[in-house]
Amino acid sequence: MSGIPACPKCQSPYAYEDGSLLICPECGHEWTPGSEGASDAAKEVRDANGNVLADGDTVTVIKDLKVKGSSLVVKVGTKVKNIRLVDGDHDIDCKIDGIGQMGLKSEFVKKI
């Protein structure tokens, strides 16, 4: 046994060292030794006022937002219930009445 830990992403035992990094040849994941637990920490998402958001919260839109690919607009003050936090540029996934499923940026909402 070489003492190199299994890949934290795919659990492959074939990880190898390359300089100061550990690399998994199966999934291509690269990490530094000792940082396996750090990637499991949840990203903290905050609204425009700095309040921490969580899944299931209700928020209000603070700016008119054009819906890409359509002539619809999400107006200021629109209440969005039961949000879901996701990774990516648009970090809130939600359903807005009259528009449907959407992705919002947390900087354009405030928690109620």
C-alpha atoms as a PDB file:
ATOM      1  CA  MET A   1       0.000   0.000   0.000  1.00  0.00           C
ATOM      2  CA  SER A   2       1.458   3.343  -1.047  1.00  0.00           C
ATOM      3  CA  GLY A   3      -0.282   5.540   1.542  1.00  0.00           C
ATOM      4  CA  ILE A   4      -1.989   7.685  -1.104  1.00  0.00           C
ATOM      5  CA  PRO A   5      -5.694   8.121  -0.243  1.00  0.00           C
ATOM      6  CA  ALA A   6      -8.497   7.184  -2.616  1.00  0.00           C
ATOM      7  CA  CYS A   7     -10.006   9.922  -4.785  1.00  0.00           C
ATOM      8  CA  PRO A   8     -12.554  11.924  -2.725  1.00  0.00           C
ATOM      9  CA  LYS A   9     -14.751  12.409  -5.799  1.00  0.00           C
ATOM     10  CA  CYS A  10     -15.036   8.899  -7.284  1.00  0.00           C
ATOM     11  CA  GLN A  11     -13.291   6.741  -4.599  1.00  0.00           C
ATOM     12  CA  SER A  12     -10.825   5.344  -7.165  1.00  0.00           C
ATOM     13  CA  PRO A  13      -7.795   3.673  -5.541  1.00  0.00           C
ATOM     14  CA  TYR A  14      -5.528   4.606  -8.492  1.00  0.00           C
ATOM     15  CA  ALA A  15      -4.683   8.190  -7.444  1.00  0.00           C
ATOM     16  CA  TYR A  16      -1.076   9.300  -7.912  1.00  0.00           C
ATOM     17  CA  GLU A  17       1.180  12.187  -6.839  1.00  0.00           C
ATOM     18  CA  ASP A  18       2.289  14.898  -9.258  1.00  0.00           C
ATOM     19  CA  GLY A  19       4.388  17.440  -7.418  1.00  0.00           C
ATOM     20  CA  SER A  20       2.277  18.735  -4.531  1.00  0.00           C
ATOM     21  CA  LEU A  21      -1.047  17.546  -6.036  1.00  0.00           C
ATOM     22  CA  LEU A  22      -2.797  14.213  -5.977  1.00  0.00           C
ATOM     23  CA  ILE A  23      -4.501  13.291  -9.276  1.00  0.00           C
ATOM     24  CA  CYS A  24      -7.159  10.698 -10.097  1.00  0.00           C
ATOM     25  CA  PRO A  25      -6.639   9.176 -13.569  1.00  0.00           C
ATOM     26  CA  GLU A  26     -10.227   7.929 -13.771  1.00  0.00           C
ATOM     27  CA  CYS A  27     -12.201  11.164 -13.182  1.00  0.00           C
ATOM     28  CA  GLY A  28      -9.433  13.774 -13.526  1.00  0.00           C
ATOM     29  CA  HIS A  29     -10.023  15.253 -10.063  1.00  0.00           C
ATOM     30  CA  GLU A  30      -7.013  17.076  -8.570  1.00  0.00           C
ATOM     31  CA  TRP A  31      -6.602  17.881  -4.868  1.00  0.00           C
ATOM     32  CA  THR A  32      -3.933  18.642  -2.302  1.00  0.00           C
ATOM     33  CA  PRO A  33      -3.268  16.173   0.496  1.00  0.00           C
ATOM     34  CA  GLY A  34      -5.292  17.039   3.599  1.00  0.00           C
ATOM     35  CA  SER A  35      -7.934  19.073   1.754  1.00  0.00           C
ATOM     36  CA  GLU A  36     -10.440  16.247   1.271  1.00  0.00           C
ATOM     37  CA  GLY A  37     -12.734  17.453   4.098  1.00  0.00           C
ATOM     38  CA  ALA A  38     -12.592  21.111   3.044  1.00  0.00           C
ATOM     39  CA  SER A  39     -14.494  20.521  -0.198  1.00  0.00           C
ATOM     40  CA  ASP A  40     -17.433  19.007   1.712  1.00  0.00           C
ATOM     41  CA  ALA A  41     -18.209  22.300   3.483  1.00  0.00           C
ATOM     42  CA  ALA A  42     -21.409  23.880   2.215  1.00  0.00           C
ATOM     43  CA  LYS A  43     -21.126  27.172   0.375  1.00  0.00           C
ATOM     44  CA  GLU A  44     -22.830  29.985   2.261  1.00  0.00           C
ATOM     45  CA  VAL A  45     -25.254  31.959   0.058  1.00  0.00           C
ATOM     46  CA  ARG A  46     -26.230  35.476   1.141  1.00  0.00           C
ATOM     47  CA  ASP A  47     -28.931  37.839  -0.144  1.00  0.00           C
ATOM     48  CA  ALA A  48     -28.466  41.509  -1.109  1.00  0.00           C
ATOM     49  CA  ASN A  49     -28.636  42.561   2.575  1.00  0.00           C
ATOM     50  CA  GLY A  50     -26.137  39.960   3.762  1.00  0.00           C
ATOM     51  CA  ASN A  51     -28.630  37.536   5.331  1.00  0.00           C
ATOM     52  CA  VAL A  52     -27.775  33.848   4.982  1.00  0.00           C
ATOM     53  CA  LEU A  53     -30.207  31.968   2.722  1.00  0.00           C
ATOM     54  CA  ALA A  54     -31.265  28.333   3.142  1.00  0.00           C
ATOM     55  CA  ASP A  55     -33.376  25.852   1.185  1.00  0.00           C
ATOM     56  CA  GLY A  56     -37.092  26.530   1.625  1.00  0.00           C
ATOM     57  CA  ASP A  57     -36.744  30.256   2.414  1.00  0.00           C
ATOM     58  CA  THR A  58     -39.054  32.904   0.967  1.00  0.00           C
ATOM     59  CA  VAL A  59     -37.419  35.855  -0.782  1.00  0.00           C
ATOM     60  CA  THR A  60     -38.475  39.021  -2.635  1.00  0.00           C
ATOM     61  CA  VAL A  61     -36.982  40.336  -5.864  1.00  0.00           C
ATOM     62  CA  ILE A  62     -35.376  43.788  -5.380  1.00  0.00           C
ATOM     63  CA  LYS A  63     -34.865  44.715  -9.054  1.00  0.00           C
ATOM     64  CA  ASP A  64     -36.801  44.261 -12.309  1.00  0.00           C
ATOM     65  CA  LEU A  65     -35.274  41.212 -14.011  1.00  0.00           C
ATOM     66  CA  LYS A  66     -35.682  40.467 -17.715  1.00  0.00           C
ATOM     67  CA  VAL A  67     -36.245  36.792 -18.508  1.00  0.00           C
ATOM     68  CA  LYS A  68     -33.694  35.733 -21.108  1.00  0.00           C
ATOM     69  CA  GLY A  69     -35.245  34.492 -24.344  1.00  0.00           C
ATOM     70  CA  SER A  70     -38.663  35.967 -23.597  1.00  0.00           C
ATOM     71  CA  SER A  71     -40.437  39.292 -23.276  1.00  0.00           C
ATOM     72  CA  LEU A  72     -41.434  38.562 -19.662  1.00  0.00           C
ATOM     73  CA  VAL A  73     -40.121  40.588 -16.712  1.00  0.00           C
ATOM     74  CA  VAL A  74     -39.940  39.604 -13.048  1.00  0.00           C
ATOM     75  CA  LYS A  75     -41.081  42.787 -11.278  1.00  0.00           C
ATOM     76  CA  VAL A  76     -39.703  44.341  -8.095  1.00  0.00           C
ATOM     77  CA  GLY A  77     -41.461  42.957  -5.024  1.00  0.00           C
ATOM     78  CA  THR A  78     -42.273  39.570  -6.569  1.00  0.00           C
ATOM     79  CA  LYS A  79     -42.432  37.033  -3.727  1.00  0.00           C
ATOM     80  CA  VAL A  80     -40.657  33.741  -4.402  1.00  0.00           C
ATOM     81  CA  LYS A  81     -41.497  30.892  -2.019  1.00  0.00           C
ATOM     82  CA  ASN A  82     -39.591  27.700  -1.279  1.00  0.00           C
ATOM     83  CA  ILE A  83     -36.255  28.446  -2.938  1.00  0.00           C
ATOM     84  CA  ARG A  84     -33.597  25.800  -3.514  1.00  0.00           C
ATOM     85  CA  LEU A  85     -29.879  26.635  -3.383  1.00  0.00           C
ATOM     86  CA  VAL A  86     -27.686  25.247  -6.166  1.00  0.00           C
ATOM     87  CA  ASP A  87     -24.083  25.623  -7.320  1.00  0.00           C
ATOM     88  CA  GLY A  88     -23.259  27.910 -10.210  1.00  0.00           C
ATOM     89  CA  ASP A  89     -23.634  31.516 -11.295  1.00  0.00           C
ATOM     90  CA  HIS A  90     -27.394  31.573 -10.642  1.00  0.00           C
ATOM     91  CA  ASP A  91     -27.368  30.118  -7.143  1.00  0.00           C
ATOM     92  CA  ILE A  92     -31.132  30.062  -6.460  1.00  0.00           C
ATOM     93  CA  ASP A  93     -33.480  27.660  -8.224  1.00  0.00           C
ATOM     94  CA  CYS A  94     -37.177  28.493  -7.863  1.00  0.00           C
ATOM     95  CA  LYS A  95     -40.621  28.536  -9.448  1.00  0.00           C
ATOM     96  CA  ILE A  96     -42.259  31.924 -10.031  1.00  0.00           C
ATOM     97  CA  ASP A  97     -46.029  32.158 -10.550  1.00  0.00           C
ATOM     98  CA  GLY A  98     -46.854  33.158 -14.129  1.00  0.00           C
ATOM     99  CA  ILE A  99     -43.312  32.534 -15.369  1.00  0.00           C
ATOM    100  CA  GLY A 100     -42.286  29.048 -14.253  1.00  0.00           C
ATOM    101  CA  GLN A 101     -38.976  27.471 -13.313  1.00  0.00           C
ATOM    102  CA  MET A 102     -36.109  29.979 -13.041  1.00  0.00           C
ATOM    103  CA  GLY A 103     -32.599  30.479 -11.773  1.00  0.00           C
ATOM    104  CA  LEU A 104     -31.907  33.688  -9.825  1.00  0.00           C
ATOM    105  CA  LYS A 105     -28.765  35.318  -8.519  1.00  0.00           C
ATOM    106  CA  SER A 106     -28.772  35.866  -4.776  1.00  0.00           C
ATOM    107  CA  GLU A 107     -27.624  39.486  -5.205  1.00  0.00           C
ATOM    108  CA  PHE A 108     -31.060  40.420  -6.632  1.00  0.00           C
ATOM    109  CA  VAL A 109     -33.202  39.052  -3.797  1.00  0.00           C
ATOM    110  CA  LYS A 110     -33.770  39.776  -0.109  1.00  0.00           C
ATOM    111  CA  LYS A 111     -34.990  37.368   2.555  1.00  0.00           C
ATOM    112  CA  ILE A 112     -38.457  37.940   4.020  1.00  0.00           C
END
